[in-house]
Amino acid sequence: MSYKVIIADGSPYGQKAAELALPAPEFEIAVFSDGLEAIEAIRDGRPDAVLTALALASKDGYDVAAFVRAGPEGRAIALFYLRGAFEPIDTRRAAETDPDGIVQKPFDGETVAMLVRETIDRKKELPSLPEEPALETAAEPPRPPESVTAAVLAAPDGTGDLEKKVRGLVREEIRNSRSELTTVAREIISAEFKKLLVEELKGIDTRKI
């Protein structure tokens, strides 16, 4: 299965260099020199990766990147800026789009291919956030009396074994306590896992070549 990649670069040299770096059949490349055309291509079919130059006609590279990240699956797309050797970069706009890397021109084709391939694979392997703990749908069992003492006092005189009833109520309260503790623990673990995963995703550093 090929990696689907969109290249947005107004320079014929940049387009050719990207095509040579990401050869078929491993990579399926679509090249555009106009930012608006690249955005339309991204909208029509979700790519695995987008490599965009900073300066483009109609819409610039920052606009293309912003469109990628704004989509419902934007974070799952590998996003890279293609920057000229002496080309200035708007660090604020670039940071807002959270790219996976900034590729400096001229670049080494094998290094770029490896970077794009590994980033796509990593994003595909990221686990989804865990679901919230499922609520039990079964009918809630009758709650025991508020205390063992109350249960004993409520028992009719001369009927049943009070000691046996007390022990049964104690076991019931222990089971209920364990169930509540298990539910709380599952909720805490789920929340902590989500927090750690989000922090891990935020911690991915921008890579430069």
C-alpha atoms as a PDB file:
ATOM      1  CA  MET A   1       0.000   0.000   0.000  1.00  0.00           C
ATOM      2  CA  SER A   2       1.404   3.395  -1.041  1.00  0.00           C
ATOM      3  CA  TYR A   3       1.750   6.444   1.150  1.00  0.00           C
ATOM      4  CA  LYS A   4      -0.430   9.233  -0.230  1.00  0.00           C
ATOM      5  CA  VAL A   5       1.520  12.523  -0.188  1.00  0.00           C
ATOM      6  CA  ILE A   6       0.600  16.025  -1.374  1.00  0.00           C
ATOM      7  CA  ILE A   7       3.415  18.400  -2.327  1.00  0.00           C
ATOM      8  CA  ALA A   8       2.701  22.145  -2.515  1.00  0.00           C
ATOM      9  CA  ASP A   9       5.630  24.040  -3.997  1.00  0.00           C
ATOM     10  CA  GLY A  10       5.697  26.796  -6.589  1.00  0.00           C
ATOM     11  CA  SER A  11       9.279  26.040  -7.607  1.00  0.00           C
ATOM     12  CA  PRO A  12       9.763  23.505 -10.424  1.00  0.00           C
ATOM     13  CA  TYR A  13      13.074  22.538  -8.790  1.00  0.00           C
ATOM     14  CA  GLY A  14      11.359  22.003  -5.451  1.00  0.00           C
ATOM     15  CA  GLN A  15       8.643  19.896  -7.070  1.00  0.00           C
ATOM     16  CA  LYS A  16      11.190  17.733  -8.902  1.00  0.00           C
ATOM     17  CA  ALA A  17      13.334  17.289  -5.786  1.00  0.00           C
ATOM     18  CA  ALA A  18      10.303  16.148  -3.799  1.00  0.00           C
ATOM     19  CA  GLU A  19       9.245  13.720  -6.532  1.00  0.00           C
ATOM     20  CA  LEU A  20      12.730  12.183  -6.623  1.00  0.00           C
ATOM     21  CA  ALA A  21      12.863  11.948  -2.823  1.00  0.00           C
ATOM     22  CA  LEU A  22       9.511  10.156  -2.617  1.00  0.00           C
ATOM     23  CA  PRO A  23       9.455   7.713  -5.543  1.00  0.00           C
ATOM     24  CA  ALA A  24       6.657   5.396  -6.663  1.00  0.00           C
ATOM     25  CA  PRO A  25       5.371   2.843  -5.908  1.00  0.00           C
ATOM     26  CA  GLU A  26       6.050   3.410  -2.206  1.00  0.00           C
ATOM     27  CA  PHE A  27       4.778   6.991  -2.412  1.00  0.00           C
ATOM     28  CA  GLU A  28       1.794   8.258  -4.385  1.00  0.00           C
ATOM     29  CA  ILE A  29       2.584  11.921  -5.072  1.00  0.00           C
ATOM     30  CA  ALA A  30       0.292  14.778  -6.117  1.00  0.00           C
ATOM     31  CA  VAL A  31       2.127  18.055  -6.822  1.00  0.00           C
ATOM     32  CA  PHE A  32       0.607  21.544  -6.781  1.00  0.00           C
ATOM     33  CA  SER A  33       2.102  25.005  -7.244  1.00  0.00           C
ATOM     34  CA  ASP A  34      -1.008  26.825  -6.000  1.00  0.00           C
ATOM     35  CA  GLY A  35      -1.978  26.767  -2.336  1.00  0.00           C
ATOM     36  CA  LEU A  36      -5.718  26.835  -2.998  1.00  0.00           C
ATOM     37  CA  GLU A  37      -5.433  23.874  -5.370  1.00  0.00           C
ATOM     38  CA  ALA A  38      -3.502  21.965  -2.709  1.00  0.00           C
ATOM     39  CA  ILE A  39      -6.220  22.711  -0.144  1.00  0.00           C
ATOM     40  CA  GLU A  40      -8.906  21.440  -2.519  1.00  0.00           C
ATOM     41  CA  ALA A  41      -6.915  18.235  -3.080  1.00  0.00           C
ATOM     42  CA  ILE A  42      -6.573  17.740   0.674  1.00  0.00           C
ATOM     43  CA  ARG A  43     -10.317  18.262   1.085  1.00  0.00           C
ATOM     44  CA  ASP A  44     -11.178  15.793  -1.686  1.00  0.00           C
ATOM     45  CA  GLY A  45      -9.021  12.955  -0.380  1.00  0.00           C
ATOM     46  CA  ARG A  46      -7.281  12.644   2.972  1.00  0.00           C
ATOM     47  CA  PRO A  47      -3.513  12.292   2.377  1.00  0.00           C
ATOM     48  CA  ASP A  48      -1.063  10.562   4.694  1.00  0.00           C
ATOM     49  CA  ALA A  49       1.329  13.515   4.517  1.00  0.00           C
ATOM     50  CA  VAL A  50       1.497  17.105   3.270  1.00  0.00           C
ATOM     51  CA  LEU A  51       4.751  18.884   2.414  1.00  0.00           C
ATOM     52  CA  THR A  52       4.228  22.559   1.698  1.00  0.00           C
ATOM     53  CA  ALA A  53       6.528  25.416   0.758  1.00  0.00           C
ATOM     54  CA  LEU A  54       6.033  28.669   2.667  1.00  0.00           C
ATOM     55  CA  ALA A  55       5.413  30.904  -0.364  1.00  0.00           C
ATOM     56  CA  LEU A  56       2.613  29.807  -2.689  1.00  0.00           C
ATOM     57  CA  ALA A  57       0.093  31.429  -5.016  1.00  0.00           C
ATOM     58  CA  SER A  58      -3.497  32.078  -3.812  1.00  0.00           C
ATOM     59  CA  LYS A  59      -2.922  30.601  -0.341  1.00  0.00           C
ATOM     60  CA  ASP A  60       0.497  30.394   1.294  1.00  0.00           C
ATOM     61  CA  GLY A  61       1.983  27.387   3.053  1.00  0.00           C
ATOM     62  CA  TYR A  62       0.742  28.514   6.457  1.00  0.00           C
ATOM     63  CA  ASP A  63      -2.819  28.568   5.141  1.00  0.00           C
ATOM     64  CA  VAL A  64      -2.381  25.079   3.685  1.00  0.00           C
ATOM     65  CA  ALA A  65      -1.009  23.810   6.999  1.00  0.00           C
ATOM     66  CA  ALA A  66      -3.815  25.488   8.959  1.00  0.00           C
ATOM     67  CA  PHE A  67      -6.377  23.765   6.741  1.00  0.00           C
ATOM     68  CA  VAL A  68      -4.706  20.407   7.369  1.00  0.00           C
ATOM     69  CA  ARG A  69      -4.759  20.793  11.129  1.00  0.00           C
ATOM     70  CA  ALA A  70      -8.326  22.165  11.190  1.00  0.00           C
ATOM     71  CA  GLY A  71      -9.758  18.999   9.660  1.00  0.00           C
ATOM     72  CA  PRO A  72     -11.377  16.242  11.757  1.00  0.00           C
ATOM     73  CA  GLU A  73      -8.323  14.016  11.230  1.00  0.00           C
ATOM     74  CA  GLY A  74      -5.771  16.798  10.913  1.00  0.00           C
ATOM     75  CA  ARG A  75      -3.519  15.582  13.715  1.00  0.00           C
ATOM     76  CA  ALA A  76      -3.223  12.188  12.031  1.00  0.00           C
ATOM     77  CA  ILE A  77      -1.659  13.735   8.888  1.00  0.00           C
ATOM     78  CA  ALA A  78       2.129  14.157   8.758  1.00  0.00           C
ATOM     79  CA  LEU A  79       2.809  17.843   8.071  1.00  0.00           C
ATOM     80  CA  PHE A  80       6.124  19.383   6.956  1.00  0.00           C
ATOM     81  CA  TYR A  81       7.195  22.839   5.802  1.00  0.00           C
ATOM     82  CA  LEU A  82       9.652  23.120   2.879  1.00  0.00           C
ATOM     83  CA  ARG A  83      11.867  26.127   3.587  1.00  0.00           C
ATOM     84  CA  GLY A  84      14.401  27.803   1.335  1.00  0.00           C
ATOM     85  CA  ALA A  85      17.970  28.198   2.572  1.00  0.00           C
ATOM     86  CA  PHE A  86      17.606  31.936   3.269  1.00  0.00           C
ATOM     87  CA  GLU A  87      13.817  32.124   3.421  1.00  0.00           C
ATOM     88  CA  PRO A  88      12.392  33.829   6.534  1.00  0.00           C
ATOM     89  CA  ILE A  89       9.771  31.952   8.502  1.00  0.00           C
ATOM     90  CA  ASP A  90       6.869  33.305  10.511  1.00  0.00           C
ATOM     91  CA  THR A  91       7.488  31.419  13.746  1.00  0.00           C
ATOM     92  CA  ARG A  92       4.117  32.380  15.228  1.00  0.00           C
ATOM     93  CA  ARG A  93       2.082  31.098  12.284  1.00  0.00           C
ATOM     94  CA  ALA A  94       4.263  28.031  11.979  1.00  0.00           C
ATOM     95  CA  ALA A  95       3.870  27.189  15.682  1.00  0.00           C
ATOM     96  CA  GLU A  96       0.086  27.550  15.447  1.00  0.00           C
ATOM     97  CA  THR A  97      -0.043  24.723  12.905  1.00  0.00           C
ATOM     98  CA  ASP A  98       2.254  22.439  14.951  1.00  0.00           C
ATOM     99  CA  PRO A  99       4.200  20.900  12.016  1.00  0.00           C
ATOM    100  CA  ASP A 100       5.970  17.582  12.388  1.00  0.00           C
ATOM    101  CA  GLY A 101       9.121  19.062  10.888  1.00  0.00           C
ATOM    102  CA  ILE A 102      10.700  21.814   8.774  1.00  0.00           C
ATOM    103  CA  VAL A 103      12.681  20.532   5.810  1.00  0.00           C
ATOM    104  CA  GLN A 104      15.500  22.823   4.725  1.00  0.00           C
ATOM    105  CA  LYS A 105      16.213  23.101   0.992  1.00  0.00           C
ATOM    106  CA  PRO A 106      18.255  21.693  -0.624  1.00  0.00           C
ATOM    107  CA  PHE A 107      17.611  18.412   1.172  1.00  0.00           C
ATOM    108  CA  ASP A 108      18.814  14.841   1.040  1.00  0.00           C
ATOM    109  CA  GLY A 109      16.167  12.682  -0.624  1.00  0.00           C
ATOM    110  CA  GLU A 110      16.765   9.528   1.415  1.00  0.00           C
ATOM    111  CA  THR A 111      16.605  11.449   4.690  1.00  0.00           C
ATOM    112  CA  VAL A 112      13.332  13.111   3.715  1.00  0.00           C
ATOM    113  CA  ALA A 113      11.818   9.794   2.598  1.00  0.00           C
ATOM    114  CA  MET A 114      12.765   8.197   5.917  1.00  0.00           C
ATOM    115  CA  LEU A 115      11.385  11.156   7.889  1.00  0.00           C
ATOM    116  CA  VAL A 116       8.060  11.142   6.029  1.00  0.00           C
ATOM    117  CA  ARG A 117       7.725   7.353   6.215  1.00  0.00           C
ATOM    118  CA  GLU A 118       8.494   7.139   9.947  1.00  0.00           C
ATOM    119  CA  THR A 119       6.196  10.046  10.822  1.00  0.00           C
ATOM    120  CA  ILE A 120       3.271   8.561   8.904  1.00  0.00           C
ATOM    121  CA  ASP A 121       3.786   5.152  10.513  1.00  0.00           C
ATOM    122  CA  ARG A 122       4.062   6.667  13.990  1.00  0.00           C
ATOM    123  CA  LYS A 123       0.835   8.600  13.600  1.00  0.00           C
ATOM    124  CA  LYS A 124      -0.996   5.516  12.367  1.00  0.00           C
ATOM    125  CA  GLU A 125       0.153   3.554  15.412  1.00  0.00           C
ATOM    126  CA  LEU A 126      -0.889   6.137  18.019  1.00  0.00           C
ATOM    127  CA  PRO A 127      -3.506   4.598  20.331  1.00  0.00           C
ATOM    128  CA  SER A 128      -6.898   6.203  20.626  1.00  0.00           C
ATOM    129  CA  LEU A 129      -7.914   7.740  23.918  1.00  0.00           C
ATOM    130  CA  PRO A 130      -9.593   5.221  26.192  1.00  0.00           C
ATOM    131  CA  GLU A 131     -13.330   5.248  26.478  1.00  0.00           C
ATOM    132  CA  GLU A 132     -14.967   6.468  29.674  1.00  0.00           C
ATOM    133  CA  PRO A 133     -15.680   3.609  32.096  1.00  0.00           C
ATOM    134  CA  ALA A 134     -18.970   2.013  31.108  1.00  0.00           C
ATOM    135  CA  LEU A 135     -21.813   2.468  33.519  1.00  0.00           C
ATOM    136  CA  GLU A 136     -23.527  -0.653  34.732  1.00  0.00           C
ATOM    137  CA  THR A 137     -26.982  -1.030  33.211  1.00  0.00           C
ATOM    138  CA  ALA A 138     -28.179  -3.719  35.574  1.00  0.00           C
ATOM    139  CA  ALA A 139     -30.727  -2.779  38.185  1.00  0.00           C
ATOM    140  CA  GLU A 140     -29.145  -1.493  41.389  1.00  0.00           C
ATOM    141  CA  PRO A 141     -29.337  -4.131  44.139  1.00  0.00           C
ATOM    142  CA  PRO A 142     -31.186  -3.232  47.348  1.00  0.00           C
ATOM    143  CA  ARG A 143     -28.998  -1.188  49.652  1.00  0.00           C
ATOM    144  CA  PRO A 144     -28.242  -2.738  53.057  1.00  0.00           C
ATOM    145  CA  PRO A 145     -29.312  -0.949  56.225  1.00  0.00           C
ATOM    146  CA  GLU A 146     -27.268   2.101  57.153  1.00  0.00           C
ATOM    147  CA  SER A 147     -25.386   0.183  59.818  1.00  0.00           C
ATOM    148  CA  VAL A 148     -25.011  -3.319  61.235  1.00  0.00           C
ATOM    149  CA  THR A 149     -26.389  -2.096  64.549  1.00  0.00           C
ATOM    150  CA  ALA A 150     -29.567  -0.840  62.906  1.00  0.00           C
ATOM    151  CA  ALA A 151     -30.061  -4.183  61.181  1.00  0.00           C
ATOM    152  CA  VAL A 152     -29.723  -6.096  64.455  1.00  0.00           C
ATOM    153  CA  LEU A 153     -32.157  -3.825  66.253  1.00  0.00           C
ATOM    154  CA  ALA A 154     -34.632  -4.172  63.394  1.00  0.00           C
ATOM    155  CA  ALA A 155     -34.574  -7.973  63.509  1.00  0.00           C
ATOM    156  CA  PRO A 156     -37.653  -9.528  65.155  1.00  0.00           C
ATOM    157  CA  ASP A 157     -37.016 -11.045  68.583  1.00  0.00           C
ATOM    158  CA  GLY A 158     -36.436 -14.771  68.556  1.00  0.00           C
ATOM    159  CA  THR A 159     -36.247 -15.114  64.720  1.00  0.00           C
ATOM    160  CA  GLY A 160     -33.142 -16.193  62.794  1.00  0.00           C
ATOM    161  CA  ASP A 161     -29.534 -16.251  63.791  1.00  0.00           C
ATOM    162  CA  LEU A 162     -28.467 -12.685  64.592  1.00  0.00           C
ATOM    163  CA  GLU A 163     -24.765 -13.510  64.373  1.00  0.00           C
ATOM    164  CA  LYS A 164     -25.244 -15.009  60.908  1.00  0.00           C
ATOM    165  CA  LYS A 165     -27.204 -11.970  59.781  1.00  0.00           C
ATOM    166  CA  VAL A 166     -24.523  -9.610  61.101  1.00  0.00           C
ATOM    167  CA  ARG A 167     -21.792 -11.475  59.250  1.00  0.00           C
ATOM    168  CA  GLY A 168     -23.823 -11.475  56.046  1.00  0.00           C
ATOM    169  CA  LEU A 169     -24.399  -7.738  56.254  1.00  0.00           C
ATOM    170  CA  VAL A 170     -20.699  -7.120  56.920  1.00  0.00           C
ATOM    171  CA  ARG A 171     -19.753  -9.143  53.832  1.00  0.00           C
ATOM    172  CA  GLU A 172     -22.325  -7.214  51.765  1.00  0.00           C
ATOM    173  CA  GLU A 173     -20.941  -3.876  52.890  1.00  0.00           C
ATOM    174  CA  ILE A 174     -17.385  -5.009  52.078  1.00  0.00           C
ATOM    175  CA  ARG A 175     -18.464  -6.082  48.571  1.00  0.00           C
ATOM    176  CA  ASN A 176     -20.197  -2.749  47.985  1.00  0.00           C
ATOM    177  CA  SER A 177     -17.128  -0.858  49.199  1.00  0.00           C
ATOM    178  CA  ARG A 178     -14.854  -2.835  46.878  1.00  0.00           C
ATOM    179  CA  SER A 179     -17.159  -2.147  43.917  1.00  0.00           C
ATOM    180  CA  GLU A 180     -17.145   1.597  44.630  1.00  0.00           C
ATOM    181  CA  LEU A 181     -13.364   1.638  45.038  1.00  0.00           C
ATOM    182  CA  THR A 182     -12.919  -0.272  41.762  1.00  0.00           C
ATOM    183  CA  THR A 183     -15.102   2.234  39.885  1.00  0.00           C
ATOM    184  CA  VAL A 184     -13.194   5.199  41.325  1.00  0.00           C
ATOM    185  CA  ALA A 185      -9.844   3.567  40.541  1.00  0.00           C
ATOM    186  CA  ARG A 186     -10.870   2.913  36.934  1.00  0.00           C
ATOM    187  CA  GLU A 187     -11.944   6.532  36.500  1.00  0.00           C
ATOM    188  CA  ILE A 188      -8.660   7.823  37.974  1.00  0.00           C
ATOM    189  CA  ILE A 189      -6.556   5.499  35.793  1.00  0.00           C
ATOM    190  CA  SER A 190      -8.495   6.522  32.673  1.00  0.00           C
ATOM    191  CA  ALA A 191      -8.051  10.232  33.440  1.00  0.00           C
ATOM    192  CA  GLU A 192      -4.334   9.839  34.160  1.00  0.00           C
ATOM    193  CA  PHE A 193      -3.812   7.823  30.968  1.00  0.00           C
ATOM    194  CA  LYS A 194      -5.496  10.520  28.907  1.00  0.00           C
ATOM    195  CA  LYS A 195      -3.373  13.198  30.570  1.00  0.00           C
ATOM    196  CA  LEU A 196      -0.130  11.304  29.940  1.00  0.00           C
ATOM    197  CA  LEU A 197      -1.044  10.596  26.313  1.00  0.00           C
ATOM    198  CA  VAL A 198      -1.925  14.228  25.599  1.00  0.00           C
ATOM    199  CA  GLU A 199       1.354  15.379  27.193  1.00  0.00           C
ATOM    200  CA  GLU A 200       3.248  12.829  25.095  1.00  0.00           C
ATOM    201  CA  LEU A 201       1.644  14.118  21.897  1.00  0.00           C
ATOM    202  CA  LYS A 202       2.430  17.709  22.843  1.00  0.00           C
ATOM    203  CA  GLY A 203       6.022  16.773  23.550  1.00  0.00           C
ATOM    204  CA  ILE A 204       6.843  15.777  19.967  1.00  0.00           C
ATOM    205  CA  ASP A 205       9.631  18.192  18.973  1.00  0.00           C
ATOM    206  CA  THR A 206       9.816  19.897  15.617  1.00  0.00           C
ATOM    207  CA  ARG A 207      12.578  18.271  13.587  1.00  0.00           C
ATOM    208  CA  LYS A 208      14.766  20.206  11.202  1.00  0.00           C
ATOM    209  CA  ILE A 209      16.902  18.933   8.352  1.00  0.00           C
END
